[in-house]
Amino acid sequence: MSDFNEHYEEDFKFPLWELIKKRAEEKDISYAAAIEEVVPEYIKTIRYRDETFENEVIQQRQNELAEIIKRKTAKKSLGE
């Protein structure tokens, strides 16, 4: 399996869904009721048009990809 495939097999959970499930469990309410409570709060945290944040995320992803390529290149040079 390549390094790229391994990276995409990391466990990922949607943050909004996790908040909805947590609220539903805490209050013993349905997911639909939890959505009505959570989504208005969650929307306030979304960073629309925050160029600094966007650039940081892009740079972080580029660094991750560079590290994957570096490891892959190192493996090839070791003959693995």
PDB file of N, CA and C in Angstrom:
ATOM      1  N   MET A   1       0.846  -1.180   0.000  1.00  0.00           N
ATOM      2  CA  MET A   1       0.000   0.000   0.000  1.00  0.00           C
ATOM      3  C   MET A   1       0.888   1.239   0.000  1.00  0.00           C
ATOM      4  N   SER A   2       0.575   2.213  -0.824  1.00  0.00           N
ATOM      5  CA  SER A   2       1.417   3.401  -0.907  1.00  0.00           C
ATOM      6  C   SER A   2       1.169   4.333   0.279  1.00  0.00           C
ATOM      7  N   ASP A   3       2.102   5.244   0.485  1.00  0.00           N
ATOM      8  CA  ASP A   3       1.970   6.213   1.571  1.00  0.00           C
ATOM      9  C   ASP A   3       0.737   7.080   1.388  1.00  0.00           C
ATOM     10  N   PHE A   4       0.413   7.405   0.131  1.00  0.00           N
ATOM     11  CA  PHE A   4      -0.753   8.243  -0.120  1.00  0.00           C
ATOM     12  C   PHE A   4      -2.029   7.528   0.323  1.00  0.00           C
ATOM     13  N   ASN A   5      -2.152   6.243   0.024  1.00  0.00           N
ATOM     14  CA  ASN A   5      -3.331   5.490   0.433  1.00  0.00           C
ATOM     15  C   ASN A   5      -3.414   5.377   1.951  1.00  0.00           C
ATOM     16  N   GLU A   6      -2.284   5.176   2.601  1.00  0.00           N
ATOM     17  CA  GLU A   6      -2.267   5.078   4.058  1.00  0.00           C
ATOM     18  C   GLU A   6      -2.761   6.373   4.674  1.00  0.00           C
ATOM     19  N   HIS A   7      -2.373   7.491   4.100  1.00  0.00           N
ATOM     20  CA  HIS A   7      -2.785   8.788   4.633  1.00  0.00           C
ATOM     21  C   HIS A   7      -4.308   8.930   4.576  1.00  0.00           C
ATOM     22  N   TYR A   8      -4.897   8.491   3.490  1.00  0.00           N
ATOM     23  CA  TYR A   8      -6.334   8.659   3.333  1.00  0.00           C
ATOM     24  C   TYR A   8      -7.137   7.623   4.105  1.00  0.00           C
ATOM     25  N   GLU A   9      -6.477   6.676   4.739  1.00  0.00           N
ATOM     26  CA  GLU A   9      -7.190   5.700   5.547  1.00  0.00           C
ATOM     27  C   GLU A   9      -7.209   6.095   7.021  1.00  0.00           C
ATOM     28  N   GLU A  10      -6.752   7.320   7.329  1.00  0.00           N
ATOM     29  CA  GLU A  10      -6.818   7.806   8.696  1.00  0.00           C
ATOM     30  C   GLU A  10      -8.281   7.949   9.095  1.00  0.00           C
ATOM     31  N   ASP A  11      -8.544   7.711  10.361  1.00  0.00           N
ATOM     32  CA  ASP A  11      -9.910   7.831  10.860  1.00  0.00           C
ATOM     33  C   ASP A  11     -10.317   9.300  10.848  1.00  0.00           C
ATOM     34  N   PHE A  12     -11.404   9.611  10.164  1.00  0.00           N
ATOM     35  CA  PHE A  12     -11.884  10.989  10.091  1.00  0.00           C
ATOM     36  C   PHE A  12     -13.329  11.029  10.557  1.00  0.00           C
ATOM     37  N   LYS A  13     -13.620  12.010  11.368  1.00  0.00           N
ATOM     38  CA  LYS A  13     -14.989  12.212  11.834  1.00  0.00           C
ATOM     39  C   LYS A  13     -15.369  13.662  11.549  1.00  0.00           C
ATOM     40  N   PHE A  14     -16.577  13.856  11.101  1.00  0.00           N
ATOM     41  CA  PHE A  14     -17.056  15.196  10.829  1.00  0.00           C
ATOM     42  C   PHE A  14     -17.334  15.909  12.152  1.00  0.00           C
ATOM     43  N   PRO A  15     -16.683  17.051  12.400  1.00  0.00           N
ATOM     44  CA  PRO A  15     -16.849  17.753  13.673  1.00  0.00           C
ATOM     45  C   PRO A  15     -18.296  18.108  13.981  1.00  0.00           C
ATOM     46  N   LEU A  16     -19.048  18.569  12.987  1.00  0.00           N
ATOM     47  CA  LEU A  16     -20.444  18.939  13.233  1.00  0.00           C
ATOM     48  C   LEU A  16     -21.253  17.731  13.667  1.00  0.00           C
ATOM     49  N   TRP A  17     -21.059  16.608  13.002  1.00  0.00           N
ATOM     50  CA  TRP A  17     -21.802  15.396  13.359  1.00  0.00           C
ATOM     51  C   TRP A  17     -21.451  14.945  14.778  1.00  0.00           C
ATOM     52  N   GLU A  18     -20.194  15.063  15.148  1.00  0.00           N
ATOM     53  CA  GLU A  18     -19.776  14.689  16.503  1.00  0.00           C
ATOM     54  C   GLU A  18     -20.476  15.576  17.533  1.00  0.00           C
ATOM     55  N   LEU A  19     -20.584  16.878  17.250  1.00  0.00           N
ATOM     56  CA  LEU A  19     -21.282  17.792  18.167  1.00  0.00           C
ATOM     57  C   LEU A  19     -22.763  17.434  18.275  1.00  0.00           C
ATOM     58  N   ILE A  20     -23.371  17.094  17.150  1.00  0.00           N
ATOM     59  CA  ILE A  20     -24.789  16.730  17.145  1.00  0.00           C
ATOM     60  C   ILE A  20     -25.022  15.478  17.977  1.00  0.00           C
ATOM     61  N   LYS A  21     -24.210  14.460  17.756  1.00  0.00           N
ATOM     62  CA  LYS A  21     -24.360  13.215  18.526  1.00  0.00           C
ATOM     63  C   LYS A  21     -24.155  13.455  20.014  1.00  0.00           C
ATOM     64  N   LYS A  22     -23.150  14.246  20.342  1.00  0.00           N
ATOM     65  CA  LYS A  22     -22.862  14.523  21.752  1.00  0.00           C
ATOM     66  C   LYS A  22     -24.038  15.236  22.413  1.00  0.00           C
ATOM     67  N   ARG A  23     -24.590  16.258  21.752  1.00  0.00           N
ATOM     68  CA  ARG A  23     -25.714  17.001  22.316  1.00  0.00           C
ATOM     69  C   ARG A  23     -26.938  16.098  22.467  1.00  0.00           C
ATOM     70  N   ALA A  24     -27.192  15.249  21.475  1.00  0.00           N
ATOM     71  CA  ALA A  24     -28.336  14.335  21.535  1.00  0.00           C
ATOM     72  C   ALA A  24     -28.196  13.378  22.721  1.00  0.00           C
ATOM     73  N   GLU A  25     -26.993  12.873  22.936  1.00  0.00           N
ATOM     74  CA  GLU A  25     -26.766  11.951  24.050  1.00  0.00           C
ATOM     75  C   GLU A  25     -26.860  12.664  25.393  1.00  0.00           C
ATOM     76  N   GLU A  26     -26.280  13.869  25.479  1.00  0.00           N
ATOM     77  CA  GLU A  26     -26.297  14.618  26.737  1.00  0.00           C
ATOM     78  C   GLU A  26     -27.721  14.947  27.181  1.00  0.00           C
ATOM     79  N   LYS A  27     -28.540  15.373  26.234  1.00  0.00           N
ATOM     80  CA  LYS A  27     -29.899  15.803  26.567  1.00  0.00           C
ATOM     81  C   LYS A  27     -30.948  14.724  26.336  1.00  0.00           C
ATOM     82  N   ASP A  28     -30.500  13.561  25.858  1.00  0.00           N
ATOM     83  CA  ASP A  28     -31.412  12.462  25.547  1.00  0.00           C
ATOM     84  C   ASP A  28     -32.534  12.943  24.621  1.00  0.00           C
ATOM     85  N   ILE A  29     -32.091  13.560  23.515  1.00  0.00           N
ATOM     86  CA  ILE A  29     -33.028  14.058  22.506  1.00  0.00           C
ATOM     87  C   ILE A  29     -32.672  13.439  21.164  1.00  0.00           C
ATOM     88  N   SER A  30     -33.546  13.635  20.193  1.00  0.00           N
ATOM     89  CA  SER A  30     -33.302  13.085  18.856  1.00  0.00           C
ATOM     90  C   SER A  30     -32.195  13.869  18.161  1.00  0.00           C
ATOM     91  N   TYR A  31     -31.635  13.268  17.119  1.00  0.00           N
ATOM     92  CA  TYR A  31     -30.626  13.970  16.336  1.00  0.00           C
ATOM     93  C   TYR A  31     -31.227  15.214  15.698  1.00  0.00           C
ATOM     94  N   ALA A  32     -32.470  15.122  15.252  1.00  0.00           N
ATOM     95  CA  ALA A  32     -33.136  16.271  14.623  1.00  0.00           C
ATOM     96  C   ALA A  32     -33.240  17.441  15.604  1.00  0.00           C
ATOM     97  N   ALA A  33     -33.601  17.154  16.842  1.00  0.00           N
ATOM     98  CA  ALA A  33     -33.695  18.204  17.864  1.00  0.00           C
ATOM     99  C   ALA A  33     -32.309  18.755  18.191  1.00  0.00           C
ATOM    100  N   ALA A  34     -31.314  17.876  18.231  1.00  0.00           N
ATOM    101  CA  ALA A  34     -29.944  18.306  18.517  1.00  0.00           C
ATOM    102  C   ALA A  34     -29.415  19.203  17.399  1.00  0.00           C
ATOM    103  N   ILE A  35     -29.778  18.888  16.165  1.00  0.00           N
ATOM    104  CA  ILE A  35     -29.358  19.708  15.025  1.00  0.00           C
ATOM    105  C   ILE A  35     -29.866  21.129  15.187  1.00  0.00           C
ATOM    106  N   GLU A  36     -31.125  21.266  15.594  1.00  0.00           N
ATOM    107  CA  GLU A  36     -31.713  22.594  15.763  1.00  0.00           C
ATOM    108  C   GLU A  36     -30.973  23.404  16.817  1.00  0.00           C
ATOM    109  N   GLU A  37     -30.400  22.749  17.811  1.00  0.00           N
ATOM    110  CA  GLU A  37     -29.647  23.444  18.851  1.00  0.00           C
ATOM    111  C   GLU A  37     -28.202  23.716  18.437  1.00  0.00           C
ATOM    112  N   VAL A  38     -27.587  22.750  17.789  1.00  0.00           N
ATOM    113  CA  VAL A  38     -26.154  22.819  17.521  1.00  0.00           C
ATOM    114  C   VAL A  38     -25.810  23.680  16.313  1.00  0.00           C
ATOM    115  N   VAL A  39     -26.553  23.552  15.239  1.00  0.00           N
ATOM    116  CA  VAL A  39     -26.184  24.215  13.984  1.00  0.00           C
ATOM    117  C   VAL A  39     -26.084  25.738  14.115  1.00  0.00           C
ATOM    118  N   PRO A  40     -27.029  26.432  14.754  1.00  0.00           N
ATOM    119  CA  PRO A  40     -26.864  27.887  14.879  1.00  0.00           C
ATOM    120  C   PRO A  40     -25.580  28.284  15.619  1.00  0.00           C
ATOM    121  N   GLU A  41     -25.185  27.508  16.616  1.00  0.00           N
ATOM    122  CA  GLU A  41     -23.937  27.771  17.333  1.00  0.00           C
ATOM    123  C   GLU A  41     -22.741  27.475  16.436  1.00  0.00           C
ATOM    124  N   TYR A  42     -22.810  26.361  15.717  1.00  0.00           N
ATOM    125  CA  TYR A  42     -21.704  25.915  14.876  1.00  0.00           C
ATOM    126  C   TYR A  42     -21.428  26.899  13.738  1.00  0.00           C
ATOM    127  N   ILE A  43     -22.466  27.450  13.167  1.00  0.00           N
ATOM    128  CA  ILE A  43     -22.320  28.385  12.046  1.00  0.00           C
ATOM    129  C   ILE A  43     -21.461  29.581  12.446  1.00  0.00           C
ATOM    130  N   LYS A  44     -21.562  29.997  13.698  1.00  0.00           N
ATOM    131  CA  LYS A  44     -20.781  31.145  14.170  1.00  0.00           C
ATOM    132  C   LYS A  44     -19.282  30.861  14.183  1.00  0.00           C
ATOM    133  N   THR A  45     -18.890  29.586  14.179  1.00  0.00           N
ATOM    134  CA  THR A  45     -17.475  29.228  14.234  1.00  0.00           C
ATOM    135  C   THR A  45     -16.845  29.050  12.860  1.00  0.00           C
ATOM    136  N   ILE A  46     -17.642  29.065  11.802  1.00  0.00           N
ATOM    137  CA  ILE A  46     -17.120  28.851  10.449  1.00  0.00           C
ATOM    138  C   ILE A  46     -16.368  30.105   9.997  1.00  0.00           C
ATOM    139  N   ARG A  47     -15.186  29.895   9.452  1.00  0.00           N
ATOM    140  CA  ARG A  47     -14.319  31.012   9.085  1.00  0.00           C
ATOM    141  C   ARG A  47     -14.443  31.323   7.598  1.00  0.00           C
ATOM    142  N   TYR A  48     -15.495  32.031   7.235  1.00  0.00           N
ATOM    143  CA  TYR A  48     -15.662  32.443   5.846  1.00  0.00           C
ATOM    144  C   TYR A  48     -14.711  33.595   5.538  1.00  0.00           C
ATOM    145  N   ARG A  49     -14.046  33.499   4.419  1.00  0.00           N
ATOM    146  CA  ARG A  49     -13.177  34.561   3.906  1.00  0.00           C
ATOM    147  C   ARG A  49     -12.066  34.961   4.880  1.00  0.00           C
ATOM    148  N   ASP A  50     -11.621  34.016   5.695  1.00  0.00           N
ATOM    149  CA  ASP A  50     -10.492  34.259   6.594  1.00  0.00           C
ATOM    150  C   ASP A  50      -9.242  33.775   5.872  1.00  0.00           C
ATOM    151  N   GLU A  51      -8.609  34.682   5.121  1.00  0.00           N
ATOM    152  CA  GLU A  51      -7.488  34.304   4.267  1.00  0.00           C
ATOM    153  C   GLU A  51      -6.297  33.781   5.065  1.00  0.00           C
ATOM    154  N   THR A  52      -6.061  34.337   6.229  1.00  0.00           N
ATOM    155  CA  THR A  52      -4.950  33.872   7.053  1.00  0.00           C
ATOM    156  C   THR A  52      -5.164  32.421   7.447  1.00  0.00           C
ATOM    157  N   PHE A  53      -6.348  32.111   7.906  1.00  0.00           N
ATOM    158  CA  PHE A  53      -6.674  30.729   8.280  1.00  0.00           C
ATOM    159  C   PHE A  53      -6.565  29.804   7.075  1.00  0.00           C
ATOM    160  N   GLU A  54      -7.140  30.213   5.948  1.00  0.00           N
ATOM    161  CA  GLU A  54      -7.099  29.391   4.744  1.00  0.00           C
ATOM    162  C   GLU A  54      -5.661  29.117   4.311  1.00  0.00           C
ATOM    163  N   ASN A  55      -4.821  30.142   4.337  1.00  0.00           N
ATOM    164  CA  ASN A  55      -3.421  29.965   3.943  1.00  0.00           C
ATOM    165  C   ASN A  55      -2.686  29.026   4.897  1.00  0.00           C
ATOM    166  N   GLU A  56      -2.994  29.123   6.195  1.00  0.00           N
ATOM    167  CA  GLU A  56      -2.372  28.222   7.168  1.00  0.00           C
ATOM    168  C   GLU A  56      -2.767  26.769   6.899  1.00  0.00           C
ATOM    169  N   VAL A  57      -4.035  26.545   6.598  1.00  0.00           N
ATOM    170  CA  VAL A  57      -4.509  25.186   6.317  1.00  0.00           C
ATOM    171  C   VAL A  57      -3.873  24.654   5.034  1.00  0.00           C
ATOM    172  N   ILE A  58      -3.799  25.483   4.024  1.00  0.00           N
ATOM    173  CA  ILE A  58      -3.172  25.071   2.763  1.00  0.00           C
ATOM    174  C   ILE A  58      -1.709  24.736   2.991  1.00  0.00           C
ATOM    175  N   GLN A  59      -1.005  25.578   3.741  1.00  0.00           N
ATOM    176  CA  GLN A  59       0.414  25.326   4.014  1.00  0.00           C
ATOM    177  C   GLN A  59       0.596  24.040   4.816  1.00  0.00           C
ATOM    178  N   GLN A  60      -0.271  23.816   5.776  1.00  0.00           N
ATOM    179  CA  GLN A  60      -0.198  22.586   6.574  1.00  0.00           C
ATOM    180  C   GLN A  60      -0.365  21.362   5.683  1.00  0.00           C
ATOM    181  N   ARG A  61      -1.318  21.404   4.773  1.00  0.00           N
ATOM    182  CA  ARG A  61      -1.544  20.272   3.869  1.00  0.00           C
ATOM    183  C   ARG A  61      -0.354  20.075   2.935  1.00  0.00           C
ATOM    184  N   GLN A  62       0.209  21.158   2.443  1.00  0.00           N
ATOM    185  CA  GLN A  62       1.383  21.041   1.582  1.00  0.00           C
ATOM    186  C   GLN A  62       2.556  20.425   2.343  1.00  0.00           C
ATOM    187  N   ASN A  63       2.701  20.801   3.617  1.00  0.00           N
ATOM    188  CA  ASN A  63       3.758  20.216   4.441  1.00  0.00           C
ATOM    189  C   ASN A  63       3.529  18.717   4.649  1.00  0.00           C
ATOM    190  N   GLU A  64       2.271  18.328   4.862  1.00  0.00           N
ATOM    191  CA  GLU A  64       1.945  16.904   5.024  1.00  0.00           C
ATOM    192  C   GLU A  64       2.312  16.128   3.758  1.00  0.00           C
ATOM    193  N   LEU A  65       1.928  16.663   2.608  1.00  0.00           N
ATOM    194  CA  LEU A  65       2.231  15.986   1.347  1.00  0.00           C
ATOM    195  C   LEU A  65       3.734  15.917   1.104  1.00  0.00           C
ATOM    196  N   ALA A  66       4.454  16.979   1.445  1.00  0.00           N
ATOM    197  CA  ALA A  66       5.908  16.972   1.280  1.00  0.00           C
ATOM    198  C   ALA A  66       6.538  15.901   2.166  1.00  0.00           C
ATOM    199  N   GLU A  67       6.018  15.727   3.371  1.00  0.00           N
ATOM    200  CA  GLU A  67       6.535  14.703   4.279  1.00  0.00           C
ATOM    201  C   GLU A  67       6.260  13.303   3.739  1.00  0.00           C
ATOM    202  N   ILE A  68       5.090  13.103   3.168  1.00  0.00           N
ATOM    203  CA  ILE A  68       4.753  11.803   2.574  1.00  0.00           C
ATOM    204  C   ILE A  68       5.693  11.498   1.415  1.00  0.00           C
ATOM    205  N   ILE A  69       5.924  12.478   0.561  1.00  0.00           N
ATOM    206  CA  ILE A  69       6.830  12.294  -0.576  1.00  0.00           C
ATOM    207  C   ILE A  69       8.250  12.025  -0.082  1.00  0.00           C
ATOM    208  N   LYS A  70       8.665  12.737   0.950  1.00  0.00           N
ATOM    209  CA  LYS A  70      10.001  12.540   1.523  1.00  0.00           C
ATOM    210  C   LYS A  70      10.170  11.113   2.044  1.00  0.00           C
ATOM    211  N   ARG A  71       9.145  10.609   2.774  1.00  0.00           N
ATOM    212  CA  ARG A  71       9.214   9.234   3.287  1.00  0.00           C
ATOM    213  C   ARG A  71       9.224   8.230   2.147  1.00  0.00           C
ATOM    214  N   LYS A  72       8.412   8.489   1.131  1.00  0.00           N
ATOM    215  CA  LYS A  72       8.347   7.577  -0.009  1.00  0.00           C
ATOM    216  C   LYS A  72       9.684   7.537  -0.734  1.00  0.00           C
ATOM    217  N   THR A  73      10.293   8.698  -0.913  1.00  0.00           N
ATOM    218  CA  THR A  73      11.603   8.775  -1.568  1.00  0.00           C
ATOM    219  C   THR A  73      12.664   8.061  -0.737  1.00  0.00           C
ATOM    220  N   ALA A  74      12.614   8.234   0.586  1.00  0.00           N
ATOM    221  CA  ALA A  74      13.577   7.576   1.473  1.00  0.00           C
ATOM    222  C   ALA A  74      13.426   6.064   1.395  1.00  0.00           C
ATOM    223  N   LYS A  75      12.204   5.567   1.339  1.00  0.00           N
ATOM    224  CA  LYS A  75      11.973   4.123   1.223  1.00  0.00           C
ATOM    225  C   LYS A  75      12.564   3.578  -0.074  1.00  0.00           C
ATOM    226  N   LYS A  76      12.367   4.336  -1.168  1.00  0.00           N
ATOM    227  CA  LYS A  76      12.891   3.885  -2.455  1.00  0.00           C
ATOM    228  C   LYS A  76      14.405   3.855  -2.439  1.00  0.00           C
ATOM    229  N   SER A  77      15.019   4.832  -1.797  1.00  0.00           N
ATOM    230  CA  SER A  77      16.474   4.884  -1.773  1.00  0.00           C
ATOM    231  C   SER A  77      17.056   3.765  -0.896  1.00  0.00           C
ATOM    232  N   LEU A  78      16.249   3.270   0.056  1.00  0.00           N
ATOM    233  CA  LEU A  78      16.679   2.150   0.889  1.00  0.00           C
ATOM    234  C   LEU A  78      16.373   0.803   0.234  1.00  0.00           C
ATOM    235  N   GLY A  79      15.690   0.868  -0.900  1.00  0.00           N
ATOM    236  CA  GLY A  79      15.380  -0.353  -1.634  1.00  0.00           C
ATOM    237  C   GLY A  79      14.170  -1.092  -1.111  1.00  0.00           C
ATOM    238  N   GLU A  80      13.307  -0.420  -0.415  1.00  0.00           N
ATOM    239  CA  GLU A  80      12.097  -1.083   0.120  1.00  0.00           C
ATOM    240  C   GLU A  80      11.004  -1.127  -0.903  1.00  0.00           C
TER     241      GLU A  80
END
